[in-house]
């Protein structure tokens, strides 16, 4: 039984195949720029879903803001440990950045119970009180996305950008539609699709361009 064992060769071959399939199913498709190409292709690589050619939306200043924040010791806050585990931490540490998922913390659980809110919402409240620049990477919880928007509107939260790709049925599509209407720099997946793996892939795509 013969198969490719080298991880770098597997990834390289995957991206070659992705481009070949794009050429086949969407002849003439053009990416806006090199970074967007890397983000969308890595999203497809992670999900095997070519619909991301159309449903992944990147606001005008999102990548620029994320890169600038990462170069200035930002903290990445995720809404799941799964998203956090998928992000390249060596790259973040080399940039002097921090990364956290506060959802399972005891303080978060206590606040969520006190305020009758989800832990994901409570985690955003706690993050808002921490110093430094902030990037929220949300692949699971629409309530966290709504909370980020509410707290920014009220002036309680400063955020450089949001990777908002919650997956699911209750509030997932709607929360992303609402984020798209704000002035917060965003990367979103329209509709129900998304997830923690996608959220991590988007961050990694940007990290690998730096």
Protein backbone atom coordinates (compact mmCIF):
# COMPACT_ATOMS: atom_id res chain seq x y z
CA UNK A 1 0.00 0.00 0.00
CA UNK A 2 1.58 3.25 -1.14
CA UNK A 3 0.60 6.68 0.15
CA UNK A 4 2.20 10.03 0.98
CA UNK A 5 3.62 10.08 4.51
CA UNK A 6 5.43 13.42 4.61
CA UNK A 7 3.08 16.01 6.19
CA UNK A 8 4.47 18.90 4.16
CA UNK A 9 4.02 16.96 0.94
CA UNK A 10 0.45 16.04 1.93
CA UNK A 11 -0.42 19.70 2.51
CA UNK A 12 1.31 20.83 -0.68
CA UNK A 13 -0.56 18.21 -2.72
CA UNK A 14 -3.85 19.19 -1.04
CA UNK A 15 -3.47 22.83 -2.06
CA UNK A 16 -2.57 21.83 -5.61
CA UNK A 17 -5.74 19.74 -5.77
CA UNK A 18 -7.82 22.59 -4.34
CA UNK A 19 -6.64 24.93 -7.09
CA UNK A 20 -7.29 22.28 -9.74
CA UNK A 21 -10.86 21.80 -8.47
CA UNK A 22 -11.46 25.57 -8.36
CA UNK A 23 -10.26 25.80 -11.97
CA UNK A 24 -12.67 23.00 -12.87
CA UNK A 25 -15.83 24.09 -11.01
CA UNK A 26 -15.29 27.86 -11.11
CA UNK A 27 -13.22 28.66 -14.21
CA UNK A 28 -12.02 32.24 -14.12
CA UNK A 29 -12.58 32.62 -10.36
CA UNK A 30 -10.29 35.35 -9.02
CA UNK A 31 -9.30 36.07 -5.44
CA UNK A 32 -9.12 39.73 -4.40
CA UNK A 33 -5.56 39.41 -3.13
CA UNK A 34 -2.95 36.88 -2.00
CA UNK A 35 -3.94 36.93 1.68
CA UNK A 36 -7.62 36.35 0.89
CA UNK A 37 -6.58 33.48 -1.38
CA UNK A 38 -4.62 31.89 1.45
CA UNK A 39 -7.49 32.33 3.92
CA UNK A 40 -10.13 30.86 1.62
CA UNK A 41 -7.95 28.00 0.41
CA UNK A 42 -6.99 27.04 3.97
CA UNK A 43 -10.66 27.17 4.90
CA UNK A 44 -11.43 24.77 2.06
CA UNK A 45 -8.43 22.62 3.03
CA UNK A 46 -9.82 22.31 6.58
CA UNK A 47 -13.44 21.66 5.63
CA UNK A 48 -13.29 20.15 2.11
CA UNK A 49 -16.13 22.56 1.34
CA UNK A 50 -15.80 24.71 -1.77
CA UNK A 51 -18.81 26.80 -0.80
CA UNK A 52 -16.35 28.95 1.16
CA UNK A 53 -15.39 30.50 -2.17
CA UNK A 54 -18.69 32.36 -1.88
CA UNK A 55 -19.71 32.44 1.79
CA UNK A 56 -16.47 33.56 3.44
CA UNK A 57 -16.60 37.34 3.72
CA UNK A 58 -13.63 39.49 4.75
CA UNK A 59 -14.17 43.14 5.58
CA UNK A 60 -11.87 45.72 4.06
CA UNK A 61 -9.62 46.30 7.08
CA UNK A 62 -9.95 42.92 8.83
CA UNK A 63 -6.65 41.34 7.81
CA UNK A 64 -4.74 44.60 8.23
CA UNK A 65 -6.17 45.05 11.73
CA UNK A 66 -5.49 41.46 12.75
CA UNK A 67 -1.89 41.62 11.53
CA UNK A 68 -1.28 44.96 13.25
CA UNK A 69 -2.78 43.68 16.51
CA UNK A 70 -0.70 40.50 16.37
CA UNK A 71 2.44 42.57 15.81
CA UNK A 72 1.55 44.51 18.96
CA UNK A 73 1.12 41.70 21.48
CA UNK A 74 -2.63 41.20 21.13
CA UNK A 75 -4.53 38.49 22.93
CA UNK A 76 -6.66 36.04 20.97
CA UNK A 77 -9.84 34.96 22.78
CA UNK A 78 -11.63 31.85 21.50
CA UNK A 79 -15.05 30.52 22.43
CA UNK A 80 -13.93 26.87 22.49
CA UNK A 81 -10.82 24.98 23.52
CA UNK A 82 -11.11 23.19 20.18
CA UNK A 83 -10.51 26.44 18.29
CA UNK A 84 -7.68 27.31 20.64
CA UNK A 85 -6.03 23.92 20.17
CA UNK A 86 -6.04 24.35 16.39
CA UNK A 87 -4.26 27.71 16.32
CA UNK A 88 -0.49 27.71 15.82
CA UNK A 89 0.68 28.77 19.27
CA UNK A 90 4.37 28.77 18.41
CA UNK A 91 3.69 31.49 15.85
CA UNK A 92 1.69 33.50 18.39
CA UNK A 93 4.34 33.12 21.07
CA UNK A 94 7.04 34.21 18.62
CA UNK A 95 5.03 37.39 18.08
CA UNK A 96 4.63 37.93 21.83
CA UNK A 97 0.88 37.30 21.70
CA UNK A 98 -1.31 35.57 24.26
CA UNK A 99 -4.19 33.18 23.61
CA UNK A 100 -7.05 32.21 25.89
CA UNK A 101 -10.32 30.34 26.12
CA UNK A 102 -12.08 31.56 29.25
CA UNK A 103 -15.30 29.58 28.79
CA UNK A 104 -14.43 26.75 31.18
CA UNK A 105 -12.94 28.97 33.90
CA UNK A 106 -14.55 28.96 37.35
CA UNK A 107 -14.91 32.76 37.29
CA UNK A 108 -16.75 32.51 33.97
CA UNK A 109 -19.15 29.88 35.26
CA UNK A 110 -19.88 31.97 38.35
CA UNK A 111 -20.57 35.13 36.34
CA UNK A 112 -22.77 33.24 33.87
CA UNK A 113 -24.87 31.88 36.73
CA UNK A 114 -25.13 35.27 38.44
CA UNK A 115 -26.27 37.04 35.27
CA UNK A 116 -28.28 34.17 33.74
CA UNK A 117 -26.24 34.23 30.54
CA UNK A 118 -24.20 31.71 28.59
CA UNK A 119 -20.62 31.03 29.61
CA UNK A 120 -19.54 32.30 26.22
CA UNK A 121 -21.15 35.68 26.98
CA UNK A 122 -19.60 35.77 30.45
CA UNK A 123 -16.19 35.04 28.92
CA UNK A 124 -16.54 38.11 26.70
CA UNK A 125 -17.36 40.24 29.76
CA UNK A 126 -14.28 38.98 31.57
CA UNK A 127 -12.09 39.49 28.50
CA UNK A 128 -13.33 43.08 28.20
CA UNK A 129 -11.73 43.92 31.55
CA UNK A 130 -8.31 42.61 30.60
CA UNK A 131 -5.66 45.00 29.24
CA UNK A 132 -4.20 44.98 25.75
CA UNK A 133 -5.46 44.62 22.22
CA UNK A 134 -8.02 41.92 21.52
CA UNK A 135 -9.03 39.63 18.68
CA UNK A 136 -12.07 37.40 19.18
CA UNK A 137 -12.09 34.07 17.34
CA UNK A 138 -15.57 32.58 17.58
CA UNK A 139 -16.51 29.34 15.86
CA UNK A 140 -19.26 28.01 18.06
CA UNK A 141 -21.25 30.52 20.11
CA UNK A 142 -23.53 33.09 18.45
CA UNK A 143 -24.24 34.49 21.94
CA UNK A 144 -20.56 35.41 22.27
CA UNK A 145 -20.71 37.21 18.95
CA UNK A 146 -23.79 39.15 20.00
CA UNK A 147 -22.10 40.02 23.31
CA UNK A 148 -19.01 41.38 21.55
CA UNK A 149 -21.20 43.63 19.41
CA UNK A 150 -23.28 44.82 22.37
CA UNK A 151 -20.28 45.61 24.55
CA UNK A 152 -18.48 47.42 21.76
CA UNK A 153 -21.58 49.50 21.06
CA UNK A 154 -21.81 50.46 24.73
CA UNK A 155 -18.12 51.38 24.87
CA UNK A 156 -17.31 48.61 27.34
CA UNK A 157 -15.13 46.63 24.94
CA UNK A 158 -12.31 47.54 22.59
CA UNK A 159 -11.77 44.98 19.84
CA UNK A 160 -9.42 45.01 16.86
CA UNK A 161 -11.24 42.36 14.82
CA UNK A 162 -13.54 39.38 15.04
CA UNK A 163 -13.27 36.06 13.26
CA UNK A 164 -16.96 35.23 13.54
CA UNK A 165 -17.82 31.85 12.11
CA UNK A 166 -20.29 30.19 14.52
CA UNK A 167 -21.77 26.99 13.15
CA UNK A 168 -25.32 25.83 13.74
CA UNK A 169 -28.99 26.68 13.59
CA UNK A 170 -30.04 28.92 16.50
CA UNK A 171 -28.67 32.39 15.92
CA UNK A 172 -25.59 31.35 13.94
CA UNK A 173 -26.50 32.87 10.59
CA UNK A 174 -28.27 35.83 12.20
CA UNK A 175 -25.35 36.79 14.46
CA UNK A 176 -22.99 36.87 11.50
CA UNK A 177 -25.42 38.96 9.49
CA UNK A 178 -25.51 41.45 12.37
CA UNK A 179 -21.71 41.57 12.61
CA UNK A 180 -21.55 42.33 8.90
CA UNK A 181 -23.60 45.49 9.55
CA UNK A 182 -21.21 46.85 12.19
CA UNK A 183 -17.98 48.77 11.86
CA UNK A 184 -16.04 45.98 13.57
CA UNK A 185 -13.46 44.50 11.18
CA UNK A 186 -14.63 40.93 10.53
CA UNK A 187 -14.12 37.63 8.80
CA UNK A 188 -17.39 35.70 8.68
CA UNK A 189 -18.98 32.67 7.04
CA UNK A 190 -22.44 33.51 5.78
CA UNK A 191 -25.24 31.13 6.72
CA UNK A 192 -25.14 28.13 9.05
CA UNK A 193 -21.70 26.81 8.15
CA UNK A 194 -18.58 27.48 10.21
CA UNK A 195 -17.03 25.90 13.29
CA UNK A 196 -14.03 25.87 15.57
CA UNK A 197 -11.84 24.15 12.99
CA UNK A 198 -12.65 26.86 10.45
CA UNK A 199 -11.97 29.63 12.99
CA UNK A 200 -8.53 28.19 13.74
CA UNK A 201 -7.75 27.72 10.04
CA UNK A 202 -8.50 31.38 9.30
CA UNK A 203 -6.17 32.57 12.06
CA UNK A 204 -3.43 30.19 10.91
CA UNK A 205 -3.75 31.36 7.32
CA UNK A 206 -3.07 34.92 8.45
CA UNK A 207 -0.22 33.85 10.75
CA UNK A 208 1.46 31.99 7.89
CA UNK A 209 1.50 35.13 5.77
CA UNK A 210 3.32 37.13 8.44
